[in-house]
Amino acid sequence: ALVTAANENRLTVWSSHEQEKQAIQGTGLSGAVGGDDGATPHIGVYLSDAASTKMEYYLDFGSFASSVRCLAGGIQELRTTTDLTSDAPLNAKNLPVAVTGDGKYTPRGTMNIIVRIYSPFGGGFTSVRVNGKEQTVYADRYLGRNVTRVQLQIKPGQSYTITTSMISGKGQTKDAVLSTTPGVQPTRNDVVIPSACH
């Protein structure tokens, strides 16, 4: 169970001992969002709750990515698709307040999800769409990686699809790696995406 949890990025480890810290660093157990990893482009799709509820128990979601072509300079064009569906009962507003929240940040029974997508180091986004509709590309940065976000209120039974197009940094010709927030269901994580530059 511990190995499965670690492979799904549900288990992370921290140590104040320098030797242990070095052993953990650079592994999935560190839980750290990476920066520059040389020729390997990293993509991240991370979810957070903007409403302080437990409604995400009913969130069915998954992300996948592909490398669609290799551009000059060893730059890959990458695409992600993230599907999100609320499997909450239609009368979810009647669930206990401990689950729905008090309605201060979003109507009871509704999810308020922020999806943050990280491009590879030195790369950037060319488009972000929700259900096919073009969205604003935000220009946040973290450790040399561009970060955009989409915020969704998801009612019971509603579904959304977020698609992005991005480019990697120069010389990132190796297979890409997709990392995501684990959900209630078993989740493959740190998935290797075959490079278009091979």
C-alpha atoms as a PDB file:
ATOM      1  CA  ALA A   1       0.000   0.000   0.000  1.00  0.00           C
ATOM      2  CA  LEU A   2       2.870   2.389   0.773  1.00  0.00           C
ATOM      3  CA  VAL A   3       4.541   1.689  -2.593  1.00  0.00           C
ATOM      4  CA  THR A   4       1.230   2.272  -4.404  1.00  0.00           C
ATOM      5  CA  ALA A   5       0.686   5.514  -2.485  1.00  0.00           C
ATOM      6  CA  ALA A   6       4.212   6.709  -3.325  1.00  0.00           C
ATOM      7  CA  ASN A   7       3.776   5.838  -7.022  1.00  0.00           C
ATOM      8  CA  GLU A   8       0.555   7.870  -7.097  1.00  0.00           C
ATOM      9  CA  ASN A   9       2.270  10.859  -5.395  1.00  0.00           C
ATOM     10  CA  ARG A  10       0.020  10.484  -2.338  1.00  0.00           C
ATOM     11  CA  LEU A  11       2.961   9.925   0.018  1.00  0.00           C
ATOM     12  CA  THR A  12       5.804  12.411   0.436  1.00  0.00           C
ATOM     13  CA  VAL A  13       8.696  12.446   2.879  1.00  0.00           C
ATOM     14  CA  TRP A  14      10.643  15.259   4.532  1.00  0.00           C
ATOM     15  CA  SER A  15      13.737  15.059   6.686  1.00  0.00           C
ATOM     16  CA  SER A  16      15.828  17.638   8.550  1.00  0.00           C
ATOM     17  CA  HIS A  17      18.890  15.360   8.248  1.00  0.00           C
ATOM     18  CA  GLU A  18      21.045  16.517   5.338  1.00  0.00           C
ATOM     19  CA  GLN A  19      22.024  13.018   4.170  1.00  0.00           C
ATOM     20  CA  GLU A  20      18.390  11.838   4.148  1.00  0.00           C
ATOM     21  CA  LYS A  21      17.274  15.088   2.492  1.00  0.00           C
ATOM     22  CA  GLN A  22      19.740  14.509  -0.364  1.00  0.00           C
ATOM     23  CA  ALA A  23      18.563  10.910  -0.774  1.00  0.00           C
ATOM     24  CA  ILE A  24      14.927  12.073  -1.031  1.00  0.00           C
ATOM     25  CA  GLN A  25      15.616  15.048  -3.312  1.00  0.00           C
ATOM     26  CA  GLY A  26      15.014  14.321  -6.972  1.00  0.00           C
ATOM     27  CA  THR A  27      12.642  11.436  -6.242  1.00  0.00           C
ATOM     28  CA  GLY A  28       8.844  11.447  -6.317  1.00  0.00           C
ATOM     29  CA  LEU A  29       8.917  11.141  -2.538  1.00  0.00           C
ATOM     30  CA  SER A  30      10.125  14.742  -2.169  1.00  0.00           C
ATOM     31  CA  GLY A  31       6.774  16.099  -3.360  1.00  0.00           C
ATOM     32  CA  ALA A  32       8.602  19.084  -4.853  1.00  0.00           C
ATOM     33  CA  VAL A  33       7.565  20.707  -8.129  1.00  0.00           C
ATOM     34  CA  GLY A  34      10.753  20.631 -10.197  1.00  0.00           C
ATOM     35  CA  GLY A  35      12.405  23.375 -12.176  1.00  0.00           C
ATOM     36  CA  ASP A  36      15.116  22.791 -14.790  1.00  0.00           C
ATOM     37  CA  ASP A  37      15.645  19.081 -15.503  1.00  0.00           C
ATOM     38  CA  GLY A  38      17.865  19.393 -18.552  1.00  0.00           C
ATOM     39  CA  ALA A  39      16.488  17.703 -21.665  1.00  0.00           C
ATOM     40  CA  THR A  40      13.390  16.295 -19.901  1.00  0.00           C
ATOM     41  CA  PRO A  41      10.274  18.490 -20.207  1.00  0.00           C
ATOM     42  CA  HIS A  42       7.981  18.286 -17.165  1.00  0.00           C
ATOM     43  CA  ILE A  43       4.264  19.100 -17.341  1.00  0.00           C
ATOM     44  CA  GLY A  44       2.081  19.546 -14.264  1.00  0.00           C
ATOM     45  CA  VAL A  45      -1.704  19.587 -13.808  1.00  0.00           C
ATOM     46  CA  TYR A  46      -2.575  20.360 -10.191  1.00  0.00           C
ATOM     47  CA  LEU A  47      -5.983  20.847  -8.578  1.00  0.00           C
ATOM     48  CA  SER A  48      -6.914  22.779  -5.455  1.00  0.00           C
ATOM     49  CA  ASP A  49     -10.191  23.487  -3.681  1.00  0.00           C
ATOM     50  CA  ALA A  50     -11.156  27.169  -3.623  1.00  0.00           C
ATOM     51  CA  ALA A  51     -14.237  26.590  -1.459  1.00  0.00           C
ATOM     52  CA  SER A  52     -12.983  24.774   1.665  1.00  0.00           C
ATOM     53  CA  THR A  53     -15.312  21.790   1.152  1.00  0.00           C
ATOM     54  CA  LYS A  54     -15.040  18.013   0.939  1.00  0.00           C
ATOM     55  CA  MET A  55     -17.047  17.874  -2.324  1.00  0.00           C
ATOM     56  CA  GLU A  56     -13.947  16.691  -4.227  1.00  0.00           C
ATOM     57  CA  TYR A  57     -14.769  13.204  -2.941  1.00  0.00           C
ATOM     58  CA  TYR A  58     -17.271  13.245  -5.828  1.00  0.00           C
ATOM     59  CA  LEU A  59     -14.829  14.636  -8.409  1.00  0.00           C
ATOM     60  CA  ASP A  60     -13.955  12.259 -11.236  1.00  0.00           C
ATOM     61  CA  PHE A  61     -10.993  13.620 -13.177  1.00  0.00           C
ATOM     62  CA  GLY A  62      -8.065  12.561 -15.300  1.00  0.00           C
ATOM     63  CA  SER A  63      -5.313  14.141 -17.370  1.00  0.00           C
ATOM     64  CA  PHE A  64      -3.274  12.927 -20.306  1.00  0.00           C
ATOM     65  CA  ALA A  65      -0.679  14.540 -22.542  1.00  0.00           C
ATOM     66  CA  SER A  66       0.973  14.022 -25.898  1.00  0.00           C
ATOM     67  CA  SER A  67       3.945  15.381 -27.791  1.00  0.00           C
ATOM     68  CA  VAL A  68       2.645  16.343 -31.229  1.00  0.00           C
ATOM     69  CA  ARG A  69       5.750  17.557 -33.039  1.00  0.00           C
ATOM     70  CA  CYS A  70       9.398  18.464 -32.739  1.00  0.00           C
ATOM     71  CA  LEU A  71      10.292  22.044 -33.630  1.00  0.00           C
ATOM     72  CA  ALA A  72      13.622  23.678 -34.444  1.00  0.00           C
ATOM     73  CA  GLY A  73      16.031  23.851 -31.526  1.00  0.00           C
ATOM     74  CA  GLY A  74      14.810  20.614 -29.970  1.00  0.00           C
ATOM     75  CA  ILE A  75      11.577  22.224 -28.767  1.00  0.00           C
ATOM     76  CA  GLN A  76       8.542  19.966 -28.388  1.00  0.00           C
ATOM     77  CA  GLU A  77       4.943  21.043 -28.930  1.00  0.00           C
ATOM     78  CA  LEU A  78       2.914  19.390 -26.169  1.00  0.00           C
ATOM     79  CA  ARG A  79      -0.816  19.111 -25.518  1.00  0.00           C
ATOM     80  CA  THR A  80      -2.760  18.239 -22.389  1.00  0.00           C
ATOM     81  CA  THR A  81      -6.379  17.250 -21.835  1.00  0.00           C
ATOM     82  CA  THR A  82      -7.985  17.263 -18.400  1.00  0.00           C
ATOM     83  CA  ASP A  83     -11.541  15.964 -17.923  1.00  0.00           C
ATOM     84  CA  LEU A  84     -13.471  16.837 -14.755  1.00  0.00           C
ATOM     85  CA  THR A  85     -16.951  15.574 -13.807  1.00  0.00           C
ATOM     86  CA  SER A  86     -18.979  15.995 -10.632  1.00  0.00           C
ATOM     87  CA  ASP A  87     -20.484  12.641  -9.656  1.00  0.00           C
ATOM     88  CA  ALA A  88     -22.211  14.268  -6.669  1.00  0.00           C
ATOM     89  CA  PRO A  89     -25.890  13.424  -6.142  1.00  0.00           C
ATOM     90  CA  LEU A  90     -28.292  15.963  -7.646  1.00  0.00           C
ATOM     91  CA  ASN A  91     -29.451  16.884  -4.139  1.00  0.00           C
ATOM     92  CA  ALA A  92     -25.844  17.415  -2.953  1.00  0.00           C
ATOM     93  CA  LYS A  93     -26.784  20.747  -1.343  1.00  0.00           C
ATOM     94  CA  ASN A  94     -28.572  18.670   1.317  1.00  0.00           C
ATOM     95  CA  LEU A  95     -25.406  16.780   2.303  1.00  0.00           C
ATOM     96  CA  PRO A  96     -23.907  17.655   5.721  1.00  0.00           C
ATOM     97  CA  VAL A  97     -22.202  21.050   6.015  1.00  0.00           C
ATOM     98  CA  ALA A  98     -18.990  19.161   6.863  1.00  0.00           C
ATOM     99  CA  VAL A  99     -19.039  17.967   3.225  1.00  0.00           C
ATOM    100  CA  THR A 100     -20.575  20.916   1.349  1.00  0.00           C
ATOM    101  CA  GLY A 101     -19.161  23.814   3.338  1.00  0.00           C
ATOM    102  CA  ASP A 102     -21.363  26.624   4.599  1.00  0.00           C
ATOM    103  CA  GLY A 103     -21.942  28.178   1.165  1.00  0.00           C
ATOM    104  CA  LYS A 104     -19.682  31.174   1.843  1.00  0.00           C
ATOM    105  CA  TYR A 105     -17.358  30.594  -1.141  1.00  0.00           C
ATOM    106  CA  THR A 106     -19.585  28.565  -3.465  1.00  0.00           C
ATOM    107  CA  PRO A 107     -23.194  27.314  -3.343  1.00  0.00           C
ATOM    108  CA  ARG A 108     -23.576  24.202  -1.192  1.00  0.00           C
ATOM    109  CA  GLY A 109     -23.197  21.017  -3.242  1.00  0.00           C
ATOM    110  CA  THR A 110     -21.082  22.790  -5.873  1.00  0.00           C
ATOM    111  CA  MET A 111     -17.327  22.378  -6.312  1.00  0.00           C
ATOM    112  CA  ASN A 112     -15.050  25.365  -6.821  1.00  0.00           C
ATOM    113  CA  ILE A 113     -11.862  24.000  -8.367  1.00  0.00           C
ATOM    114  CA  ILE A 114      -8.690  25.819  -9.397  1.00  0.00           C
ATOM    115  CA  VAL A 115      -6.684  23.889 -12.006  1.00  0.00           C
ATOM    116  CA  ARG A 116      -3.089  25.055 -12.367  1.00  0.00           C
ATOM    117  CA  ILE A 117      -1.140  23.840 -15.391  1.00  0.00           C
ATOM    118  CA  TYR A 118       2.661  24.068 -15.434  1.00  0.00           C
ATOM    119  CA  SER A 119       4.598  24.213 -18.697  1.00  0.00           C
ATOM    120  CA  PRO A 120       8.114  22.739 -18.948  1.00  0.00           C
ATOM    121  CA  PHE A 121      11.068  24.830 -17.775  1.00  0.00           C
ATOM    122  CA  GLY A 122      11.767  27.607 -20.282  1.00  0.00           C
ATOM    123  CA  GLY A 123       8.590  26.806 -22.214  1.00  0.00           C
ATOM    124  CA  GLY A 124       5.191  28.434 -22.369  1.00  0.00           C
ATOM    125  CA  PHE A 125       1.547  28.166 -23.381  1.00  0.00           C
ATOM    126  CA  THR A 126       0.101  28.859 -26.803  1.00  0.00           C
ATOM    127  CA  SER A 127      -3.550  28.194 -25.921  1.00  0.00           C
ATOM    128  CA  VAL A 128      -5.917  27.190 -23.120  1.00  0.00           C
ATOM    129  CA  ARG A 129      -9.493  26.100 -23.795  1.00  0.00           C
ATOM    130  CA  VAL A 130     -12.418  24.995 -21.626  1.00  0.00           C
ATOM    131  CA  ASN A 131     -14.999  22.904 -23.485  1.00  0.00           C
ATOM    132  CA  GLY A 132     -13.461  24.224 -26.711  1.00  0.00           C
ATOM    133  CA  LYS A 133     -13.774  27.909 -25.729  1.00  0.00           C
ATOM    134  CA  GLU A 134     -10.552  29.954 -25.716  1.00  0.00           C
ATOM    135  CA  GLN A 135      -9.455  31.157 -22.261  1.00  0.00           C
ATOM    136  CA  THR A 136      -7.063  33.784 -20.934  1.00  0.00           C
ATOM    137  CA  VAL A 137      -3.510  32.457 -20.630  1.00  0.00           C
ATOM    138  CA  TYR A 138      -2.179  33.675 -17.282  1.00  0.00           C
ATOM    139  CA  ALA A 139       1.509  34.474 -16.992  1.00  0.00           C
ATOM    140  CA  ASP A 140       2.467  33.225 -13.544  1.00  0.00           C
ATOM    141  CA  ARG A 141       5.939  31.685 -13.131  1.00  0.00           C
ATOM    142  CA  TYR A 142       7.480  29.184 -10.743  1.00  0.00           C
ATOM    143  CA  LEU A 143      11.107  27.964 -10.874  1.00  0.00           C
ATOM    144  CA  GLY A 144      11.396  29.057 -14.505  1.00  0.00           C
ATOM    145  CA  ARG A 145       8.133  27.371 -15.505  1.00  0.00           C
ATOM    146  CA  ASN A 146       5.102  29.232 -16.849  1.00  0.00           C
ATOM    147  CA  VAL A 147       1.898  28.533 -14.925  1.00  0.00           C
ATOM    148  CA  THR A 148      -1.642  29.208 -16.102  1.00  0.00           C
ATOM    149  CA  ARG A 149      -4.874  28.502 -14.263  1.00  0.00           C
ATOM    150  CA  VAL A 150      -8.544  27.820 -14.828  1.00  0.00           C
ATOM    151  CA  GLN A 151     -11.170  28.184 -12.086  1.00  0.00           C
ATOM    152  CA  LEU A 152     -14.388  26.187 -12.416  1.00  0.00           C
ATOM    153  CA  GLN A 153     -17.601  25.939 -10.436  1.00  0.00           C
ATOM    154  CA  ILE A 154     -18.871  22.414 -11.079  1.00  0.00           C
ATOM    155  CA  LYS A 155     -22.472  21.555 -10.233  1.00  0.00           C
ATOM    156  CA  PRO A 156     -23.636  17.953  -9.685  1.00  0.00           C
ATOM    157  CA  GLY A 157     -23.571  16.117 -13.019  1.00  0.00           C
ATOM    158  CA  GLN A 158     -21.580  18.814 -14.835  1.00  0.00           C
ATOM    159  CA  SER A 159     -18.463  18.032 -16.889  1.00  0.00           C
ATOM    160  CA  TYR A 160     -15.639  20.204 -18.192  1.00  0.00           C
ATOM    161  CA  THR A 161     -12.684  19.512 -20.478  1.00  0.00           C
ATOM    162  CA  ILE A 162      -9.589  21.713 -20.272  1.00  0.00           C
ATOM    163  CA  THR A 163      -7.166  21.486 -23.198  1.00  0.00           C
ATOM    164  CA  THR A 164      -3.823  23.254 -23.441  1.00  0.00           C
ATOM    165  CA  SER A 165      -1.155  23.619 -26.072  1.00  0.00           C
ATOM    166  CA  MET A 166       2.378  24.504 -24.990  1.00  0.00           C
ATOM    167  CA  ILE A 167       6.005  24.339 -26.030  1.00  0.00           C
ATOM    168  CA  SER A 168       8.962  23.011 -24.084  1.00  0.00           C
ATOM    169  CA  GLY A 169      12.235  24.815 -23.576  1.00  0.00           C
ATOM    170  CA  LYS A 170      15.069  24.547 -26.091  1.00  0.00           C
ATOM    171  CA  GLY A 171      16.884  21.235 -26.266  1.00  0.00           C
ATOM    172  CA  GLN A 172      14.207  19.352 -24.322  1.00  0.00           C
ATOM    173  CA  THR A 173      14.162  16.383 -26.674  1.00  0.00           C
ATOM    174  CA  LYS A 174      13.664  13.573 -24.150  1.00  0.00           C
ATOM    175  CA  ASP A 175      10.345  11.963 -23.221  1.00  0.00           C
ATOM    176  CA  ALA A 176       8.122  14.350 -21.272  1.00  0.00           C
ATOM    177  CA  VAL A 177       6.778  13.576 -17.785  1.00  0.00           C
ATOM    178  CA  LEU A 178       3.214  14.427 -16.708  1.00  0.00           C
ATOM    179  CA  SER A 179       2.526  14.871 -12.980  1.00  0.00           C
ATOM    180  CA  THR A 180      -0.929  15.442 -11.497  1.00  0.00           C
ATOM    181  CA  THR A 181      -2.758  15.782  -8.207  1.00  0.00           C
ATOM    182  CA  PRO A 182      -3.946  12.330  -7.118  1.00  0.00           C
ATOM    183  CA  GLY A 183      -7.699  11.910  -6.728  1.00  0.00           C
ATOM    184  CA  VAL A 184     -10.044   9.559  -4.901  1.00  0.00           C
ATOM    185  CA  GLN A 185      -9.631   6.888  -7.590  1.00  0.00           C
ATOM    186  CA  PRO A 186      -6.267   5.170  -8.281  1.00  0.00           C
ATOM    187  CA  THR A 187      -4.145   7.582 -10.311  1.00  0.00           C
ATOM    188  CA  ARG A 188      -1.084   6.861 -12.447  1.00  0.00           C
ATOM    189  CA  ASN A 189       1.437   9.607 -11.829  1.00  0.00           C
ATOM    190  CA  ASP A 190       4.675  10.919 -13.310  1.00  0.00           C
ATOM    191  CA  VAL A 191       3.542   9.390 -16.596  1.00  0.00           C
ATOM    192  CA  VAL A 192       6.147   9.245 -19.379  1.00  0.00           C
ATOM    193  CA  ILE A 193       5.028  10.888 -22.645  1.00  0.00           C
ATOM    194  CA  PRO A 194       6.922   9.679 -25.760  1.00  0.00           C
ATOM    195  CA  SER A 195       8.933  12.472 -27.348  1.00  0.00           C
ATOM    196  CA  ALA A 196       8.181  13.685 -30.864  1.00  0.00           C
ATOM    197  CA  CYS A 197      11.902  14.461 -31.237  1.00  0.00           C
ATOM    198  CA  HIS A 198      12.996  10.784 -31.434  1.00  0.00           C
END
